[in-house]
Protein backbone atom coordinates (compact mmCIF):
# COMPACT_ATOMS: atom_id res chain seq x y z
CA MET A 1 50.07 78.73 85.97
CA ASP A 2 52.80 76.07 85.76
CA ILE A 3 51.19 73.06 87.42
CA LEU A 4 54.33 70.93 86.99
CA SER A 5 56.41 73.46 88.92
CA ILE A 6 53.78 73.55 91.64
CA LEU A 7 53.80 69.74 91.88
CA ALA A 8 57.61 69.67 92.00
CA GLU A 9 57.71 72.30 94.75
CA SER A 10 55.03 70.41 96.66
CA MET A 11 57.13 67.26 96.44
CA ARG A 12 60.14 69.19 97.74
CA SER A 13 58.03 70.24 100.73
CA ALA A 14 56.90 66.66 101.34
CA LEU A 15 60.50 65.44 101.38
CA GLY A 16 62.06 68.49 103.03
CA PRO A 17 63.40 69.06 106.54
CA VAL A 18 60.22 70.82 107.73
CA ALA A 19 58.14 67.73 106.95
CA ALA A 20 60.69 65.60 108.79
CA ILE A 21 60.67 67.91 111.83
CA TYR A 22 56.89 67.81 112.03
CA ALA A 23 56.92 64.03 111.54
CA LEU A 24 59.32 63.78 114.48
CA ALA A 25 57.09 65.89 116.72
CA ALA A 26 54.03 63.91 115.59
CA ILE A 27 55.76 60.64 116.52
CA GLY A 28 55.97 61.99 120.07
CA LEU A 29 52.31 62.99 119.94
CA ASN A 30 51.50 59.50 118.66
CA LEU A 31 53.06 58.02 121.79
CA HIS A 32 50.84 60.31 123.84
CA PHE A 33 47.52 59.95 122.07
CA GLY A 34 47.81 57.09 119.60
CA TYR A 35 49.21 54.55 122.04
CA THR A 36 48.40 55.84 125.54
CA GLY A 37 45.28 57.93 124.99
CA LEU A 38 46.74 61.12 126.49
CA LEU A 39 45.16 64.31 125.14
CA ASN A 40 48.19 66.54 124.72
CA PHE A 41 47.25 69.84 123.07
CA GLY A 42 50.58 71.47 123.86
CA GLN A 43 53.19 69.44 121.98
CA VAL A 44 54.50 72.72 120.60
CA GLY A 45 55.59 73.59 124.15
CA PHE A 46 58.04 70.67 124.12
CA MET A 47 59.31 71.80 120.73
CA LEU A 48 59.80 75.32 122.09
CA VAL A 49 61.88 74.31 125.12
CA GLY A 50 63.95 71.98 122.92
CA ALA A 51 64.64 74.72 120.38
CA TYR A 52 65.51 77.29 123.03
CA GLY A 53 67.67 74.77 124.85
CA VAL A 54 69.84 74.75 121.74
CA GLY A 55 69.46 78.48 121.11
CA ILE A 56 70.38 79.68 124.58
CA SER A 57 73.24 77.20 124.96
CA VAL A 58 74.83 78.02 121.59
CA ALA A 59 74.03 81.71 121.06
CA VAL A 60 74.14 83.02 124.63
CA PHE A 61 76.63 80.79 126.45
CA ASP A 62 78.68 79.70 123.41
CA LEU A 63 78.43 76.02 124.36
CA PRO A 64 78.79 73.10 121.93
CA LEU A 65 75.73 72.06 119.95
CA ALA A 66 75.64 68.66 121.68
CA VAL A 67 75.28 70.40 125.03
CA GLY A 68 72.43 72.44 123.59
CA PHE A 69 70.60 69.28 122.57
CA GLY A 70 71.12 67.90 126.07
CA VAL A 71 69.78 71.08 127.66
CA GLY A 72 66.74 71.05 125.37
CA LEU A 73 65.93 67.44 126.24
CA LEU A 74 66.43 68.12 129.94
CA CYS A 75 64.03 71.07 129.78
CA ALA A 76 61.47 68.82 128.08
CA LEU A 77 61.86 66.25 130.85
CA VAL A 78 61.22 68.90 133.50
CA LEU A 79 58.22 70.25 131.57
CA ALA A 80 56.70 66.76 131.25
CA LEU A 81 57.05 66.19 134.99
CA LEU A 82 55.55 69.58 135.81
CA LEU A 83 52.58 68.89 133.53
CA GLY A 84 52.09 65.25 134.37
CA ILE A 85 52.40 65.08 138.15
CA PRO A 86 49.32 67.22 138.92
CA THR A 87 47.15 66.05 136.01
CA LEU A 88 47.72 62.40 135.08
CA ARG A 89 45.76 61.11 138.07
CA LEU A 90 42.76 63.17 136.92
CA ARG A 91 40.50 62.86 133.88
CA GLU A 92 42.02 63.21 130.41
CA ASP A 93 40.54 66.66 129.81
CA TYR A 94 42.63 68.14 132.64
CA LEU A 95 45.82 67.21 130.79
CA ALA A 96 44.42 68.72 127.58
CA ILE A 97 43.62 72.02 129.28
CA THR A 98 46.92 72.12 131.14
CA THR A 99 49.10 71.38 128.12
CA ILE A 100 47.54 73.93 125.78
CA ALA A 101 47.70 76.60 128.48
CA ALA A 102 51.26 75.76 129.50
CA ALA A 103 52.54 75.87 125.91
CA GLU A 104 51.08 79.34 125.38
CA VAL A 105 52.33 80.64 128.75
CA ILE A 106 55.84 79.39 127.97
CA ARG A 107 55.77 81.11 124.58
CA LEU A 108 54.73 84.41 126.14
CA VAL A 109 57.41 84.12 128.82
CA TYR A 110 60.14 83.41 126.28
CA ARG A 111 59.15 86.42 124.15
CA SER A 112 58.76 88.78 127.11
CA GLY A 113 61.04 91.71 127.79
CA PHE A 114 62.44 90.45 131.10
CA ALA A 115 63.62 87.23 129.39
CA GLU A 116 65.32 89.07 126.51
CA PRO A 117 68.91 88.67 127.83
CA LEU A 118 68.49 84.88 127.54
CA THR A 119 65.89 84.35 124.83
CA GLY A 120 66.26 87.46 122.69
CA GLY A 121 62.65 88.40 123.45
CA VAL A 122 60.56 89.08 120.37
CA TYR A 123 63.71 89.08 118.21
CA GLY A 124 64.77 85.54 119.08
CA LEU A 125 68.23 84.04 118.66
CA GLN A 126 70.43 83.62 115.59
CA ASN A 127 73.59 81.85 114.38
CA LEU A 128 72.77 78.43 115.82
CA ALA A 129 73.90 76.04 113.09
CA GLY A 130 77.67 76.59 112.85
CA ASP A 131 78.66 73.37 114.65
CA PHE A 132 76.08 71.36 112.72
CA ARG A 133 77.30 72.62 109.34
CA ALA A 134 80.88 71.90 110.36
CA LEU A 135 79.93 68.23 110.78
CA ASN A 136 78.65 67.96 107.20
CA PRO A 137 80.44 65.00 105.54
CA ILE A 138 78.80 65.57 102.11
CA PRO A 139 81.17 67.10 99.53
CA PRO A 140 80.08 70.45 98.07
CA GLY A 141 77.90 70.18 95.00
CA THR A 142 74.35 69.62 93.83
CA TYR A 143 72.57 66.32 94.30
CA GLY A 144 69.29 65.09 92.87
CA VAL A 145 67.37 65.34 89.63
CA GLY A 146 65.83 68.43 88.07
CA MET A 147 63.75 70.45 90.51
CA LEU A 148 64.37 67.83 93.19
CA SER A 149 68.01 68.87 93.49
CA TYR A 150 69.66 69.97 96.71
CA ASN A 151 72.98 71.48 97.65
CA ALA A 152 75.25 69.71 100.14
CA SER A 153 74.10 71.78 103.13
CA HIS A 154 70.40 71.22 102.49
CA LEU A 155 70.95 67.52 101.82
CA TRP A 156 72.86 67.17 105.10
CA VAL A 157 69.91 68.62 107.02
CA MET A 158 67.51 66.29 105.20
CA VAL A 159 69.62 63.21 105.87
CA THR A 160 69.91 64.07 109.56
CA THR A 161 66.27 64.93 110.15
CA TRP A 162 64.85 61.97 108.23
CA GLY A 163 67.44 59.74 109.89
CA LEU A 164 66.13 60.85 113.29
CA VAL A 165 62.57 60.22 112.09
CA LEU A 166 63.45 56.64 111.13
CA LEU A 167 65.34 56.16 114.39
CA MET A 168 62.42 57.37 116.51
CA ALA A 169 59.95 55.35 114.43
CA GLY A 170 62.08 52.26 115.08
CA LEU A 171 62.22 53.07 118.78
CA THR A 172 58.44 53.47 118.82
CA TRP A 173 58.00 50.11 117.11
CA MET A 174 60.24 48.36 119.65
CA LEU A 175 58.53 50.01 122.61
CA THR A 176 54.99 49.36 121.44
CA HIS A 177 55.76 45.70 120.69
CA SER A 178 57.26 45.18 124.13
CA PRO A 179 55.45 44.35 127.39
CA TRP A 180 55.59 48.08 128.21
CA GLY A 181 53.83 48.90 124.95
CA ARG A 182 51.10 46.36 125.60
CA VAL A 183 50.46 47.97 128.98
CA ILE A 184 50.13 51.51 127.63
CA LYS A 185 47.78 50.29 124.91
CA GLY A 186 45.78 48.54 127.60
CA ILE A 187 45.62 51.82 129.52
CA ARG A 188 44.34 53.53 126.39
CA GLU A 189 41.56 50.97 126.01
CA ASP A 190 40.51 50.57 129.64
CA GLU A 191 42.44 52.28 132.38
CA ASP A 192 40.48 50.60 135.18
CA ALA A 193 41.16 47.15 133.76
CA ALA A 194 44.90 47.85 133.65
CA ARG A 195 44.78 49.10 137.23
CA SER A 196 42.88 46.00 138.37
CA LEU A 197 45.75 43.87 137.01
CA GLY A 198 48.13 45.63 139.36
CA LYS A 199 49.67 48.05 136.88
CA ASN A 200 50.75 51.47 138.12
CA VAL A 201 48.73 53.44 135.59
CA PHE A 202 50.08 56.82 136.71
CA ALA A 203 53.70 55.69 136.27
CA TYR A 204 53.08 54.29 132.79
CA LYS A 205 51.24 57.42 131.67
CA MET A 206 54.05 59.59 133.04
CA GLN A 207 56.64 57.52 131.18
CA ALA A 208 54.69 57.90 127.93
CA LEU A 209 54.31 61.65 128.48
CA VAL A 210 58.04 62.04 129.10
CA LEU A 211 59.07 59.94 126.09
CA GLY A 212 56.70 61.72 123.71
CA GLY A 213 57.79 65.09 125.10
CA LEU A 214 61.46 64.25 124.60
CA ILE A 215 60.81 63.35 120.96
CA GLY A 216 58.91 66.62 120.54
CA ALA A 217 61.85 68.50 122.06
CA LEU A 218 64.21 66.73 119.66
CA ALA A 219 62.07 68.06 116.81
CA GLY A 220 62.44 71.55 118.28
CA CYS A 221 66.21 71.12 118.49
CA MET A 222 66.34 70.17 114.83
CA MET A 223 64.15 73.13 113.92
CA ALA A 224 66.65 75.46 115.59
CA VAL A 225 69.52 73.81 113.70
CA TYR A 226 67.72 73.81 110.35
CA GLN A 227 66.68 77.46 110.53
CA ALA A 228 69.87 78.57 112.33
CA ALA A 229 67.55 80.94 114.21
CA ILE A 230 64.48 80.75 116.40
CA GLN A 231 61.79 83.15 117.52
CA ALA A 232 59.11 82.47 120.12
CA ASP A 233 56.17 83.32 117.85
CA GLN A 234 57.09 80.36 115.64
CA PHE A 235 55.65 78.14 118.38
CA LYS A 236 52.04 79.26 118.41
CA PRO A 237 49.17 76.82 119.17
CA GLN A 238 48.56 76.33 115.45
CA VAL A 239 51.73 74.18 115.35
CA THR A 240 50.08 71.66 117.68
CA PHE A 241 46.97 71.92 115.52
CA PHE A 242 49.08 70.97 112.48
CA LEU A 243 50.57 68.05 114.40
CA TRP A 244 47.11 66.71 115.20
CA VAL A 245 46.11 66.96 111.54
CA ILE A 246 49.30 65.11 110.60
CA LEU A 247 48.72 62.38 113.17
CA LEU A 248 45.07 61.83 112.26
CA LEU A 249 45.82 62.03 108.54
CA GLY A 250 48.45 59.31 108.63
CA GLY A 251 46.83 57.20 111.32
CA ALA A 252 47.08 57.36 115.10
CA GLY A 253 48.44 54.26 116.79
CA ARG A 254 50.54 53.32 113.75
CA VAL A 255 54.33 53.61 113.73
CA PHE A 256 54.57 55.23 110.29
CA GLY A 257 51.26 57.10 110.52
CA PRO A 258 52.92 60.39 111.56
CA VAL A 259 55.58 60.03 108.87
CA LEU A 260 53.11 59.48 106.05
CA GLY A 261 50.77 62.11 107.47
CA SER A 262 53.51 64.75 107.57
CA MET A 263 54.57 64.11 103.99
CA ILE A 264 51.00 64.28 102.67
CA PHE A 265 50.14 67.30 104.82
CA TRP A 266 53.06 69.41 103.62
CA PHE A 267 52.52 68.30 100.02
CA LEU A 268 48.91 69.49 100.22
CA MET A 269 49.81 72.73 102.02
CA SER A 270 52.46 73.60 99.44
CA PHE A 271 50.19 72.59 96.57
CA THR A 272 47.34 74.73 97.93
CA ASP A 273 49.66 77.72 98.32
CA GLY A 274 51.05 77.28 94.81
CA VAL A 275 47.60 76.98 93.22
CA LEU A 276 46.28 80.03 95.08
CA ARG A 277 49.25 82.16 94.08
CA GLY A 278 49.03 80.92 90.50
CA LEU A 279 45.35 81.83 90.31
CA GLY A 280 46.13 85.19 91.91
CA ASN A 281 48.81 85.93 89.33
CA LEU A 282 46.27 85.16 86.61
CA GLY A 283 43.88 87.68 88.15
CA LEU A 284 41.28 85.03 89.00
CA LEU A 285 41.27 85.89 92.71
CA PRO A 286 40.92 89.70 92.74
CA PHE A 287 39.28 89.64 96.17
CA LEU A 288 42.39 88.13 97.82
CA ASP A 289 45.75 89.64 98.73
CA GLY A 290 49.00 87.78 99.43
CA PRO A 291 48.50 87.54 103.22
CA ASP A 292 45.04 86.03 102.66
CA TYR A 293 46.59 82.90 101.18
CA GLY A 294 47.97 81.89 104.56
CA ALA A 295 44.54 82.24 106.14
CA ILE A 296 43.06 80.04 103.44
CA GLN A 297 45.76 77.46 104.09
CA LEU A 298 44.80 77.38 107.77
CA ALA A 299 41.14 77.02 106.81
CA PHE A 300 42.10 74.20 104.47
CA ALA A 301 43.96 72.41 107.28
CA GLY A 302 40.93 72.84 109.54
CA LEU A 303 38.60 71.49 106.88
CA MET A 304 40.91 68.53 106.35
CA LEU A 305 40.81 67.75 110.08
CA VAL A 306 37.01 67.92 110.17
CA LEU A 307 36.66 65.66 107.13
CA LEU A 308 39.10 63.17 108.63
CA ILE A 309 37.23 62.99 111.92
CA VAL A 310 33.88 62.56 110.16
CA PHE A 311 34.74 60.19 107.32
CA ARG A 312 37.99 58.44 108.24
CA PRO A 313 39.03 58.97 111.87
CA GLN A 314 41.54 56.12 111.60
CA GLY A 315 43.55 58.00 108.95
CA ILE A 316 45.12 56.56 105.82
CA ILE A 317 46.90 53.54 107.32
CA GLY A 318 45.26 53.46 110.73
CA ASP A 319 42.83 51.00 112.27
CA ARG A 320 39.42 52.37 113.22
CA LYS A 321 39.62 50.47 116.53
CA GLU A 322 42.58 52.65 117.52
CA MET A 323 40.24 55.66 117.58
CA LEU A 324 37.50 54.05 119.66
CA ILE A 325 37.20 54.03 123.42
CA ASN A 326 36.81 50.83 125.43
CA VAL A 327 36.96 48.52 122.41
CA LYS A 328 35.56 45.12 123.38
């Protein structure tokens, strides 16, 4: 087992576009939970409508990629309003139930037979990245050092996705250090106190839900561009589960918590997969087959979440107070 190759591949995963896409979606979730206290268990639903906004626009109607991004963000706006209007005046658990159910219903609708003319059904949509690749300003060639080398196309995706991550992190910092940000953090700590000061709690919570949902949809748009294809079963509830692990790992209520959490999460996931396959190739895991490695990875992510909640709920760079309710 070549441990150096495993470490190098793990580092590639930590710096790759997938880590950036999940960091982007987790930044949106951070606005929901970390700063406003909204229990959104369906962030993957916003990613799905964003990805299919691009997919349907480009593959079905042959529209420009920019229009696809606009359609994806518009769909996320509509979804946030549909979820928020009936639930945000109720207790937090109603939003949690509604979001996880809505995300799964949307996935099943998009993969259904009657939606196949638009969504491709279970087969999904392909050939979505032509316009994006045409915008690539990086000359052909290989860039990087050793195993951390990338071709021009892959580097262009990385630059774009991580650029969006930094842009959304900067936007989050500006919002949370503004009067608006102080209000949503006050709502997180004590909703009744914010209401007694004359703040329209419902409006602020709706704004946070919409903003976080739009960032999640942007992550879905970039996923469609990166893969050049999408399929509804990519957006199962486990994606939201991964996003929660990422958020809690890095630190909820911290601007760069989701970014750090995503990099560490995908490093550990890749490292675990590499070690398991290496041990399997050496014959040390005769009771496991290839498909079992994925199940062990999911168990590892679940164990990581449990350990975080028990021993360090604030995450790596978080503040424990951010995870408490009604801090005095």
